[in-house]
C-alpha atoms as a PDB file:
ATOM      1  CA  MET A   1     -23.644 -14.795 -31.925  1.00  0.00           C
ATOM      2  CA  SER A   2     -27.629 -13.633 -31.283  1.00  0.00           C
ATOM      3  CA  GLN A   3     -26.845 -10.310 -33.057  1.00  0.00           C
ATOM      4  CA  LEU A   4     -25.887 -11.633 -36.057  1.00  0.00           C
ATOM      5  CA  ILE A   5     -28.738 -13.969 -36.381  1.00  0.00           C
ATOM      6  CA  GLY A   6     -30.958 -11.017 -35.473  1.00  0.00           C
ATOM      7  CA  THR A   7     -29.135  -8.914 -38.599  1.00  0.00           C
ATOM      8  CA  LEU A   8     -29.672 -11.574 -41.065  1.00  0.00           C
ATOM      9  CA  VAL A   9     -32.953 -12.518 -39.843  1.00  0.00           C
ATOM     10  CA  GLY A  10     -34.017  -8.647 -40.301  1.00  0.00           C
ATOM     11  CA  LEU A  11     -32.849  -8.807 -43.345  1.00  0.00           C
ATOM     12  CA  VAL A  12     -34.652 -11.730 -44.795  1.00  0.00           C
ATOM     13  CA  VAL A  13     -38.033 -10.258 -42.950  1.00  0.00           C
ATOM     14  CA  GLY A  14     -37.577  -7.249 -44.340  1.00  0.00           C
ATOM     15  CA  PHE A  15     -37.301  -8.033 -48.050  1.00  0.00           C
ATOM     16  CA  ALA A  16     -39.738 -10.693 -47.497  1.00  0.00           C
ATOM     17  CA  ILE A  17     -42.596  -8.537 -46.185  1.00  0.00           C
ATOM     18  CA  ALA A  18     -42.067  -6.305 -49.314  1.00  0.00           C
ATOM     19  CA  PHE A  19     -41.983  -8.983 -51.737  1.00  0.00           C
ATOM     20  CA  VAL A  20     -45.208 -10.300 -50.361  1.00  0.00           C
ATOM     21  CA  VAL A  21     -46.858  -7.134 -50.180  1.00  0.00           C
ATOM     22  CA  LEU A  22     -45.503  -6.342 -53.969  1.00  0.00           C
ATOM     23  CA  THR A  23     -46.760  -9.723 -55.036  1.00  0.00           C
ATOM     24  CA  LEU A  24     -50.378  -9.224 -53.614  1.00  0.00           C
ATOM     25  CA  GLY A  25     -50.538  -5.432 -54.442  1.00  0.00           C
ATOM     26  CA  THR A  26     -53.527  -5.204 -56.092  1.00  0.00           C
ATOM     27  CA  ILE A  27     -55.466  -6.209 -52.806  1.00  0.00           C
ATOM     28  CA  MET A  28     -53.449  -3.648 -50.768  1.00  0.00           C
ATOM     29  CA  PRO A  29     -54.667  -0.257 -50.648  1.00  0.00           C
ATOM     30  CA  GLU A  30     -53.377   2.210 -52.610  1.00  0.00           C
ATOM     31  CA  ALA A  31     -51.847   4.315 -49.781  1.00  0.00           C
ATOM     32  CA  LEU A  32     -49.297   1.813 -48.788  1.00  0.00           C
ATOM     33  CA  ILE A  33     -48.141   0.925 -52.173  1.00  0.00           C
ATOM     34  CA  PRO A  34     -48.733   2.719 -55.155  1.00  0.00           C
ATOM     35  CA  SER A  35     -50.238   0.987 -58.025  1.00  0.00           C
ATOM     36  CA  SER A  36     -48.042   1.771 -60.755  1.00  0.00           C
ATOM     37  CA  ILE A  37     -45.220   0.284 -58.667  1.00  0.00           C
ATOM     38  CA  VAL A  38     -47.153  -3.130 -58.190  1.00  0.00           C
ATOM     39  CA  ALA A  39     -48.099  -3.333 -62.004  1.00  0.00           C
ATOM     40  CA  ASP A  40     -44.693  -2.672 -62.935  1.00  0.00           C
ATOM     41  CA  PHE A  41     -43.304  -5.499 -60.384  1.00  0.00           C
ATOM     42  CA  LEU A  42     -46.100  -7.476 -61.766  1.00  0.00           C
ATOM     43  CA  SER A  43     -45.226  -7.453 -64.984  1.00  0.00           C
ATOM     44  CA  ARG A  44     -41.417  -8.340 -64.890  1.00  0.00           C
ATOM     45  CA  PRO A  45     -40.723 -12.164 -65.399  1.00  0.00           C
ATOM     46  CA  ASP A  46     -37.332 -12.433 -63.620  1.00  0.00           C
ATOM     47  CA  LEU A  47     -36.578 -12.793 -60.104  1.00  0.00           C
ATOM     48  CA  GLU A  48     -33.604 -10.500 -60.545  1.00  0.00           C
ATOM     49  CA  LEU A  49     -35.552  -7.661 -61.921  1.00  0.00           C
ATOM     50  CA  ARG A  50     -38.218  -8.318 -59.302  1.00  0.00           C
ATOM     51  CA  LEU A  51     -35.874  -8.022 -56.111  1.00  0.00           C
ATOM     52  CA  ALA A  52     -34.485  -4.861 -58.114  1.00  0.00           C
ATOM     53  CA  ILE A  53     -37.625  -3.559 -57.837  1.00  0.00           C
ATOM     54  CA  VAL A  54     -38.349  -4.542 -54.254  1.00  0.00           C
ATOM     55  CA  GLY A  55     -34.894  -2.960 -53.588  1.00  0.00           C
ATOM     56  CA  THR A  56     -36.171   0.439 -55.206  1.00  0.00           C
ATOM     57  CA  VAL A  57     -38.971   0.354 -52.305  1.00  0.00           C
ATOM     58  CA  MET A  58     -36.925  -0.524 -49.504  1.00  0.00           C
ATOM     59  CA  TYR A  59     -34.059   1.999 -50.281  1.00  0.00           C
ATOM     60  CA  PRO A  60     -35.601   5.270 -51.820  1.00  0.00           C
ATOM     61  CA  SER A  61     -33.309   8.878 -52.490  1.00  0.00           C
ATOM     62  CA  ALA A  62     -33.890  10.650 -49.583  1.00  0.00           C
ATOM     63  CA  PHE A  63     -32.321  14.020 -50.576  1.00  0.00           C
ATOM     64  CA  GLY A  64     -34.325  13.845 -53.945  1.00  0.00           C
ATOM     65  CA  SER A  65     -31.216  13.290 -56.059  1.00  0.00           C
ATOM     66  CA  VAL A  66     -30.856  10.091 -58.194  1.00  0.00           C
ATOM     67  CA  SER A  67     -32.500   6.876 -57.052  1.00  0.00           C
ATOM     68  CA  ILE A  68     -31.847   3.650 -58.132  1.00  0.00           C
ATOM     69  CA  GLY A  69     -35.316   3.452 -59.085  1.00  0.00           C
ATOM     70  CA  ALA A  70     -34.376   6.213 -61.694  1.00  0.00           C
ATOM     71  CA  MET A  71     -30.885   4.500 -62.810  1.00  0.00           C
ATOM     72  CA  LEU A  72     -32.668   1.541 -63.282  1.00  0.00           C
ATOM     73  CA  GLY A  73     -35.647   2.870 -64.943  1.00  0.00           C
ATOM     74  CA  LEU A  74     -38.124   1.271 -62.946  1.00  0.00           C
ATOM     75  CA  GLY A  75     -39.831   0.754 -59.616  1.00  0.00           C
ATOM     76  CA  THR A  76     -39.952   3.917 -57.348  1.00  0.00           C
ATOM     77  CA  SER A  77     -38.085   7.141 -56.761  1.00  0.00           C
ATOM     78  CA  SER A  78     -39.646   7.922 -53.445  1.00  0.00           C
ATOM     79  CA  TRP A  79     -40.449   6.641 -49.818  1.00  0.00           C
ATOM     80  CA  THR A  80     -43.343   4.632 -49.604  1.00  0.00           C
ATOM     81  CA  VAL A  81     -45.209   3.458 -46.527  1.00  0.00           C
ATOM     82  CA  LEU A  82     -44.266  -0.067 -47.366  1.00  0.00           C
ATOM     83  CA  MET A  83     -40.741   0.998 -47.006  1.00  0.00           C
ATOM     84  CA  PHE A  84     -41.404   1.838 -43.065  1.00  0.00           C
ATOM     85  CA  LEU A  85     -43.653  -0.856 -42.336  1.00  0.00           C
ATOM     86  CA  ALA A  86     -41.194  -3.702 -43.783  1.00  0.00           C
ATOM     87  CA  TRP A  87     -37.817  -1.943 -42.131  1.00  0.00           C
ATOM     88  CA  GLY A  88     -39.995  -1.358 -38.781  1.00  0.00           C
ATOM     89  CA  THR A  89     -40.955  -5.033 -38.505  1.00  0.00           C
ATOM     90  CA  ALA A  90     -37.444  -6.288 -39.498  1.00  0.00           C
ATOM     91  CA  GLY A  91     -36.144  -4.023 -37.001  1.00  0.00           C
ATOM     92  CA  LEU A  92     -38.665  -5.280 -34.412  1.00  0.00           C
ATOM     93  CA  VAL A  93     -37.437  -8.935 -35.381  1.00  0.00           C
ATOM     94  CA  ALA A  94     -33.862  -8.375 -35.544  1.00  0.00           C
ATOM     95  CA  GLY A  95     -34.332  -6.371 -31.918  1.00  0.00           C
ATOM     96  CA  LEU A  96     -36.370  -9.451 -30.421  1.00  0.00           C
ATOM     97  CA  LEU A  97     -33.301 -11.782 -31.677  1.00  0.00           C
ATOM     98  CA  ALA A  98     -30.750  -9.913 -30.744  1.00  0.00           C
ATOM     99  CA  ARG A  99     -32.192  -9.585 -26.819  1.00  0.00           C
ATOM    100  CA  GLY A 100     -31.044  -6.425 -25.694  1.00  0.00           C
ATOM    101  CA  VAL A 101     -31.427  -2.553 -26.454  1.00  0.00           C
ATOM    102  CA  VAL A 102     -27.897  -1.960 -27.571  1.00  0.00           C
ATOM    103  CA  GLU A 103     -27.771  -4.995 -29.650  1.00  0.00           C
ATOM    104  CA  GLY A 104     -30.922  -4.782 -31.492  1.00  0.00           C
ATOM    105  CA  ILE A 105     -30.686  -1.349 -32.818  1.00  0.00           C
ATOM    106  CA  PHE A 106     -26.967  -2.514 -33.971  1.00  0.00           C
ATOM    107  CA  ALA A 107     -28.455  -5.696 -35.438  1.00  0.00           C
ATOM    108  CA  ALA A 108     -31.428  -3.759 -36.817  1.00  0.00           C
ATOM    109  CA  VAL A 109     -29.144  -1.224 -38.575  1.00  0.00           C
ATOM    110  CA  PHE A 110     -26.485  -4.030 -39.795  1.00  0.00           C
ATOM    111  CA  SER A 111     -29.239  -5.559 -41.706  1.00  0.00           C
ATOM    112  CA  VAL A 112     -30.076  -2.039 -43.628  1.00  0.00           C
ATOM    113  CA  ILE A 113     -26.328  -1.989 -44.280  1.00  0.00           C
ATOM    114  CA  LEU A 114     -25.913  -5.316 -45.635  1.00  0.00           C
ATOM    115  CA  GLY A 115     -29.025  -5.473 -47.263  1.00  0.00           C
ATOM    116  CA  ALA A 116     -27.703  -2.101 -49.017  1.00  0.00           C
ATOM    117  CA  PHE A 117     -24.729  -3.774 -50.062  1.00  0.00           C
ATOM    118  CA  LEU A 118     -26.887  -7.010 -51.587  1.00  0.00           C
ATOM    119  CA  ILE A 119     -28.876  -4.592 -53.775  1.00  0.00           C
ATOM    120  CA  TRP A 120     -25.954  -2.304 -55.216  1.00  0.00           C
ATOM    121  CA  LEU A 121     -24.561  -5.872 -56.235  1.00  0.00           C
ATOM    122  CA  LEU A 122     -27.646  -6.656 -57.977  1.00  0.00           C
ATOM    123  CA  VAL A 123     -28.488  -3.472 -59.483  1.00  0.00           C
ATOM    124  CA  PHE A 124     -24.772  -3.664 -60.711  1.00  0.00           C
ATOM    125  CA  PHE A 125     -25.069  -7.026 -61.918  1.00  0.00           C
ATOM    126  CA  ILE A 126     -28.195  -6.299 -63.892  1.00  0.00           C
ATOM    127  CA  GLN A 127     -26.581  -3.307 -65.609  1.00  0.00           C
ATOM    128  CA  THR A 128     -23.285  -4.906 -66.326  1.00  0.00           C
ATOM    129  CA  PRO A 129     -22.293  -8.428 -66.423  1.00  0.00           C
ATOM    130  CA  ASP A 130     -18.571  -7.387 -66.395  1.00  0.00           C
ATOM    131  CA  PHE A 131     -17.203  -7.913 -62.640  1.00  0.00           C
ATOM    132  CA  GLY A 132     -14.093  -5.834 -63.782  1.00  0.00           C
ATOM    133  CA  ALA A 133     -16.061  -2.561 -63.685  1.00  0.00           C
ATOM    134  CA  LEU A 134     -17.350  -3.372 -59.760  1.00  0.00           C
ATOM    135  CA  PHE A 135     -15.451  -0.284 -58.837  1.00  0.00           C
ATOM    136  CA  SER A 136     -15.909   1.950 -61.945  1.00  0.00           C
ATOM    137  CA  VAL A 137     -17.354   5.238 -61.688  1.00  0.00           C
ATOM    138  CA  GLY A 138     -20.852   4.110 -62.473  1.00  0.00           C
ATOM    139  CA  SER A 139     -20.675   1.146 -60.021  1.00  0.00           C
ATOM    140  CA  VAL A 140     -19.699   3.818 -57.195  1.00  0.00           C
ATOM    141  CA  LEU A 141     -22.263   5.892 -57.865  1.00  0.00           C
ATOM    142  CA  ILE A 142     -25.062   3.107 -57.784  1.00  0.00           C
ATOM    143  CA  LEU A 143     -23.701   2.327 -54.404  1.00  0.00           C
ATOM    144  CA  GLU A 144     -23.653   6.131 -53.430  1.00  0.00           C
ATOM    145  CA  ALA A 145     -27.318   6.022 -54.375  1.00  0.00           C
ATOM    146  CA  VAL A 146     -28.216   2.702 -52.409  1.00  0.00           C
ATOM    147  CA  PHE A 147     -26.621   4.443 -49.627  1.00  0.00           C
ATOM    148  CA  GLU A 148     -28.520   7.937 -49.590  1.00  0.00           C
ATOM    149  CA  GLY A 149     -31.417   5.556 -49.772  1.00  0.00           C
ATOM    150  CA  SER A 150     -30.973   4.005 -46.672  1.00  0.00           C
ATOM    151  CA  ILE A 151     -31.243   7.386 -44.788  1.00  0.00           C
ATOM    152  CA  TYR A 152     -34.873   6.724 -44.297  1.00  0.00           C
ATOM    153  CA  PRO A 153     -34.598   3.034 -43.942  1.00  0.00           C
ATOM    154  CA  LEU A 154     -31.655   3.457 -40.809  1.00  0.00           C
ATOM    155  CA  ILE A 155     -34.571   5.601 -39.290  1.00  0.00           C
ATOM    156  CA  GLY A 156     -37.507   3.023 -39.027  1.00  0.00           C
ATOM    157  CA  VAL A 157     -35.183  -0.081 -38.476  1.00  0.00           C
ATOM    158  CA  ALA A 158     -33.519   1.692 -35.658  1.00  0.00           C
ATOM    159  CA  ILE A 159     -36.604   2.257 -33.887  1.00  0.00           C
ATOM    160  CA  GLY A 160     -37.823  -1.215 -34.383  1.00  0.00           C
ATOM    161  CA  GLY A 161     -34.654  -2.602 -33.396  1.00  0.00           C
ATOM    162  CA  LEU A 162     -34.669  -0.661 -29.785  1.00  0.00           C
ATOM    163  CA  LEU A 163     -38.560  -1.780 -29.307  1.00  0.00           C
ATOM    164  CA  GLY A 164     -37.536  -5.060 -30.155  1.00  0.00           C
ATOM    165  CA  GLY A 165     -34.175  -5.037 -28.276  1.00  0.00           C
ATOM    166  CA  GLY A 166     -36.131  -3.484 -25.069  1.00  0.00           C
ATOM    167  CA  ILE A 167     -38.918  -6.180 -25.079  1.00  0.00           C
ATOM    168  CA  SER A 168     -36.630  -8.818 -25.149  1.00  0.00           C
ATOM    169  CA  ARG A 169     -33.869  -7.690 -23.310  1.00  0.00           C
ATOM    170  CA  GLU A 170     -32.718 -10.105 -20.131  1.00  0.00           C
ATOM    171  CA  ARG A 171     -33.663  -8.409 -16.552  1.00  0.00           C
END
């Protein structure tokens, strides 16, 4: 049960950190998040578009192919320091709540995978409201881009989950 709670809380913590940093992005250093991404985020009035921009930051393209940011035409297409900061902290929290090394790593990794599915659905429904096309070619390409973009987050969150699980394990 603690692994499930760690997964859910880790997912919320990761996205909350990225959302808050992008909201306060005008006072953040350029090395943390580029000002073009912050301007794109702050210029969107809709919450779903802001969450999609957070998704482009949280799931960047790892191999240089098409990213979800390029598919949407907003956000970022490469990794940022904010992505590693948010996912590392999310993994640490997930590991702390899971209370074990292996459980912490699994809770952290599952939070990235659950977030990838949620970003896939968000981007899909932003592009088309047709629920029947959920397993069409375009939707599967979005899913591929999100899962390819989860390679770097998996590295950051696994390290955080290892540390959090190691700290809170029963001795």
